[in-house]
Amino acid sequence: EANQELEIELPEGEFETIAGFVLETLGHIPVVNEEFEHENLKFEIIDMQGLRIEEIKITKSETREGGESGEFDTGQAR
């Protein structure tokens, strides 16, 4: 669902959410402002509530028309 809405491609895996993808990829509970890259996407943890990822910013590094990079704020992570 997120792949279609955000026009990004996350791999198939044992997760159902973007937050689940982040946890599986990192292998640990992230902290606010932690960043990592996966293919052409940069993920930044914006907000945490305890151990729960609340907000993630995803920046697509490949340029679109006009030379701008795509930037997505996923809002609430579920």
N, C-alpha and C. Protein backbone atom coordinates (compact mmCIF):
# COMPACT_ATOMS: atom_id res chain seq x y z
N GLU A 1 0.83 -1.19 0.00
CA GLU A 1 0.00 0.00 0.00
C GLU A 1 0.87 1.26 0.00
N ALA A 2 1.86 1.29 0.90
CA ALA A 2 2.76 2.46 0.95
C ALA A 2 3.54 2.59 -0.35
N ASN A 3 3.92 1.46 -0.94
CA ASN A 3 4.65 1.50 -2.20
C ASN A 3 3.87 2.28 -3.25
N GLN A 4 2.57 2.04 -3.34
CA GLN A 4 1.74 2.71 -4.34
C GLN A 4 1.50 4.17 -3.97
N GLU A 5 1.13 4.43 -2.72
CA GLU A 5 0.83 5.80 -2.30
C GLU A 5 2.02 6.73 -2.42
N LEU A 6 3.20 6.25 -2.04
CA LEU A 6 4.39 7.08 -2.04
C LEU A 6 5.23 6.93 -3.29
N GLU A 7 4.82 6.04 -4.20
CA GLU A 7 5.55 5.75 -5.42
C GLU A 7 7.00 5.36 -5.12
N ILE A 8 7.14 4.45 -4.16
CA ILE A 8 8.44 3.90 -3.80
C ILE A 8 8.34 2.39 -3.85
N GLU A 9 9.48 1.72 -3.81
CA GLU A 9 9.47 0.27 -3.83
C GLU A 9 10.25 -0.27 -2.64
N LEU A 10 9.53 -0.80 -1.67
CA LEU A 10 10.16 -1.49 -0.55
C LEU A 10 10.15 -2.97 -0.86
N PRO A 11 11.17 -3.69 -0.42
CA PRO A 11 11.22 -5.13 -0.70
C PRO A 11 10.15 -5.89 0.06
N GLU A 12 9.86 -7.09 -0.40
CA GLU A 12 8.96 -7.99 0.32
C GLU A 12 9.68 -8.46 1.58
N GLY A 13 8.94 -8.69 2.65
CA GLY A 13 9.58 -9.16 3.87
C GLY A 13 8.57 -9.54 4.92
N GLU A 14 9.08 -9.82 6.11
CA GLU A 14 8.26 -10.23 7.24
C GLU A 14 7.72 -9.01 7.99
N PHE A 15 7.28 -8.00 7.29
CA PHE A 15 6.76 -6.79 7.90
C PHE A 15 5.54 -6.33 7.13
N GLU A 16 4.67 -5.58 7.81
CA GLU A 16 3.45 -5.08 7.19
C GLU A 16 3.41 -3.57 7.12
N THR A 17 4.36 -2.90 7.76
CA THR A 17 4.37 -1.44 7.81
C THR A 17 5.75 -0.91 7.47
N ILE A 18 5.82 0.38 7.21
CA ILE A 18 7.12 1.01 6.97
C ILE A 18 7.95 0.94 8.24
N ALA A 19 7.32 1.13 9.40
CA ALA A 19 8.04 1.02 10.67
C ALA A 19 8.62 -0.39 10.83
N GLY A 20 7.86 -1.39 10.44
CA GLY A 20 8.34 -2.77 10.49
C GLY A 20 9.53 -2.98 9.58
N PHE A 21 9.49 -2.38 8.39
CA PHE A 21 10.62 -2.44 7.46
C PHE A 21 11.86 -1.81 8.10
N VAL A 22 11.68 -0.65 8.74
CA VAL A 22 12.80 0.04 9.39
C VAL A 22 13.41 -0.84 10.47
N LEU A 23 12.56 -1.41 11.32
CA LEU A 23 13.05 -2.27 12.40
C LEU A 23 13.80 -3.49 11.85
N GLU A 24 13.24 -4.12 10.82
CA GLU A 24 13.89 -5.29 10.23
C GLU A 24 15.22 -4.93 9.59
N THR A 25 15.26 -3.80 8.91
CA THR A 25 16.47 -3.38 8.22
C THR A 25 17.58 -3.00 9.20
N LEU A 26 17.23 -2.22 10.22
CA LEU A 26 18.23 -1.77 11.19
C LEU A 26 18.65 -2.87 12.15
N GLY A 27 17.70 -3.73 12.52
CA GLY A 27 18.00 -4.78 13.49
C GLY A 27 18.01 -4.29 14.93
N HIS A 28 17.54 -3.06 15.14
CA HIS A 28 17.45 -2.51 16.50
C HIS A 28 16.38 -1.42 16.53
N ILE A 29 16.01 -1.00 17.74
CA ILE A 29 15.06 0.10 17.90
C ILE A 29 15.81 1.40 17.60
N PRO A 30 15.36 2.17 16.63
CA PRO A 30 16.07 3.40 16.28
C PRO A 30 15.83 4.52 17.29
N VAL A 31 16.60 5.57 17.14
CA VAL A 31 16.42 6.77 17.95
C VAL A 31 16.05 7.93 17.02
N VAL A 32 15.47 8.98 17.59
CA VAL A 32 15.11 10.16 16.81
C VAL A 32 16.35 10.70 16.11
N ASN A 33 16.17 11.09 14.86
CA ASN A 33 17.21 11.63 13.97
C ASN A 33 18.14 10.57 13.39
N GLU A 34 17.93 9.30 13.73
CA GLU A 34 18.73 8.23 13.11
C GLU A 34 18.34 8.13 11.65
N GLU A 35 19.33 7.94 10.79
CA GLU A 35 19.10 7.85 9.35
C GLU A 35 19.77 6.61 8.79
N PHE A 36 19.19 6.10 7.70
CA PHE A 36 19.84 5.04 6.93
C PHE A 36 19.33 5.12 5.51
N GLU A 37 20.06 4.49 4.60
CA GLU A 37 19.66 4.46 3.20
C GLU A 37 19.38 3.04 2.77
N HIS A 38 18.41 2.90 1.89
CA HIS A 38 18.09 1.62 1.27
C HIS A 38 17.83 1.93 -0.20
N GLU A 39 18.70 1.41 -1.05
CA GLU A 39 18.66 1.68 -2.49
C GLU A 39 18.61 3.19 -2.70
N ASN A 40 17.57 3.72 -3.36
CA ASN A 40 17.53 5.16 -3.64
C ASN A 40 16.69 5.93 -2.61
N LEU A 41 16.46 5.34 -1.44
CA LEU A 41 15.64 5.98 -0.42
C LEU A 41 16.45 6.26 0.84
N LYS A 42 16.24 7.44 1.41
CA LYS A 42 16.85 7.80 2.69
C LYS A 42 15.73 7.86 3.72
N PHE A 43 15.90 7.15 4.82
CA PHE A 43 14.91 7.11 5.90
C PHE A 43 15.46 7.87 7.10
N GLU A 44 14.64 8.74 7.68
CA GLU A 44 15.04 9.47 8.88
C GLU A 44 13.93 9.32 9.92
N ILE A 45 14.31 8.92 11.12
CA ILE A 45 13.35 8.78 12.21
C ILE A 45 13.09 10.18 12.77
N ILE A 46 11.84 10.61 12.68
CA ILE A 46 11.45 11.96 13.11
C ILE A 46 10.91 11.95 14.54
N ASP A 47 10.10 10.95 14.88
CA ASP A 47 9.49 10.92 16.21
C ASP A 47 9.32 9.49 16.70
N MET A 48 9.59 9.31 17.97
CA MET A 48 9.40 8.02 18.65
C MET A 48 8.54 8.26 19.89
N GLN A 49 7.71 7.29 20.24
CA GLN A 49 6.96 7.29 21.49
C GLN A 49 7.33 6.00 22.20
N GLY A 50 8.25 6.08 23.14
CA GLY A 50 8.77 4.87 23.77
C GLY A 50 9.53 4.06 22.74
N LEU A 51 9.13 2.81 22.55
CA LEU A 51 9.77 1.94 21.56
C LEU A 51 9.07 1.99 20.21
N ARG A 52 8.02 2.77 20.09
CA ARG A 52 7.21 2.83 18.87
C ARG A 52 7.68 3.95 17.95
N ILE A 53 7.87 3.61 16.69
CA ILE A 53 8.21 4.62 15.68
C ILE A 53 6.92 5.34 15.31
N GLU A 54 6.86 6.63 15.54
CA GLU A 54 5.66 7.41 15.25
C GLU A 54 5.71 8.12 13.90
N GLU A 55 6.90 8.61 13.52
CA GLU A 55 7.00 9.36 12.28
C GLU A 55 8.34 9.10 11.61
N ILE A 56 8.28 8.86 10.30
CA ILE A 56 9.47 8.60 9.50
C ILE A 56 9.43 9.51 8.29
N LYS A 57 10.55 10.11 7.97
CA LYS A 57 10.67 10.91 6.76
C LYS A 57 11.43 10.07 5.74
N ILE A 58 10.86 9.96 4.54
CA ILE A 58 11.50 9.20 3.46
C ILE A 58 11.82 10.17 2.33
N THR A 59 13.08 10.20 1.94
CA THR A 59 13.51 11.05 0.83
C THR A 59 13.97 10.15 -0.30
N LYS A 60 13.41 10.36 -1.47
CA LYS A 60 13.79 9.59 -2.65
C LYS A 60 14.93 10.33 -3.33
N SER A 61 16.08 9.70 -3.46
CA SER A 61 17.27 10.40 -3.95
C SER A 61 17.32 10.54 -5.46
N GLU A 62 16.58 9.74 -6.19
CA GLU A 62 16.61 9.89 -7.64
C GLU A 62 15.82 11.14 -8.00
N THR A 63 16.32 11.91 -8.95
CA THR A 63 15.68 13.17 -9.28
C THR A 63 14.49 12.97 -10.19
N ARG A 64 13.51 13.85 -10.00
CA ARG A 64 12.33 13.87 -10.86
C ARG A 64 12.50 15.00 -11.86
N GLU A 65 11.47 15.21 -12.69
CA GLU A 65 11.50 16.33 -13.62
C GLU A 65 11.73 17.61 -12.84
N GLY A 66 12.55 18.49 -13.38
CA GLY A 66 12.85 19.73 -12.70
C GLY A 66 14.05 19.61 -11.78
N GLY A 67 14.63 18.40 -11.68
CA GLY A 67 15.83 18.21 -10.90
C GLY A 67 15.63 18.15 -9.40
N GLU A 68 14.39 18.08 -8.93
CA GLU A 68 14.15 18.01 -7.50
C GLU A 68 14.10 16.58 -7.03
N SER A 69 14.60 16.35 -5.83
CA SER A 69 14.47 15.01 -5.27
C SER A 69 13.11 14.89 -4.62
N GLY A 70 12.57 13.68 -4.61
CA GLY A 70 11.27 13.46 -3.99
C GLY A 70 11.42 13.37 -2.49
N GLU A 71 10.49 13.95 -1.76
CA GLU A 71 10.54 13.88 -0.31
C GLU A 71 9.15 13.53 0.19
N PHE A 72 9.10 12.54 1.08
CA PHE A 72 7.83 12.07 1.59
C PHE A 72 7.87 12.05 3.10
N ASP A 73 6.83 12.53 3.73
CA ASP A 73 6.70 12.42 5.18
C ASP A 73 5.57 11.43 5.40
N THR A 74 5.89 10.31 5.99
CA THR A 74 4.89 9.26 6.13
C THR A 74 3.88 9.55 7.22
N GLY A 75 4.10 10.57 8.02
CA GLY A 75 3.18 10.85 9.12
C GLY A 75 3.27 9.76 10.16
N GLN A 76 2.14 9.27 10.61
CA GLN A 76 2.11 8.25 11.65
C GLN A 76 2.56 6.90 11.10
N ALA A 77 3.52 6.30 11.74
CA ALA A 77 3.94 4.94 11.40
C ALA A 77 3.03 3.97 12.11
N ARG A 78 2.65 2.91 11.44
CA ARG A 78 1.76 1.92 12.06
C ARG A 78 2.33 0.55 11.95
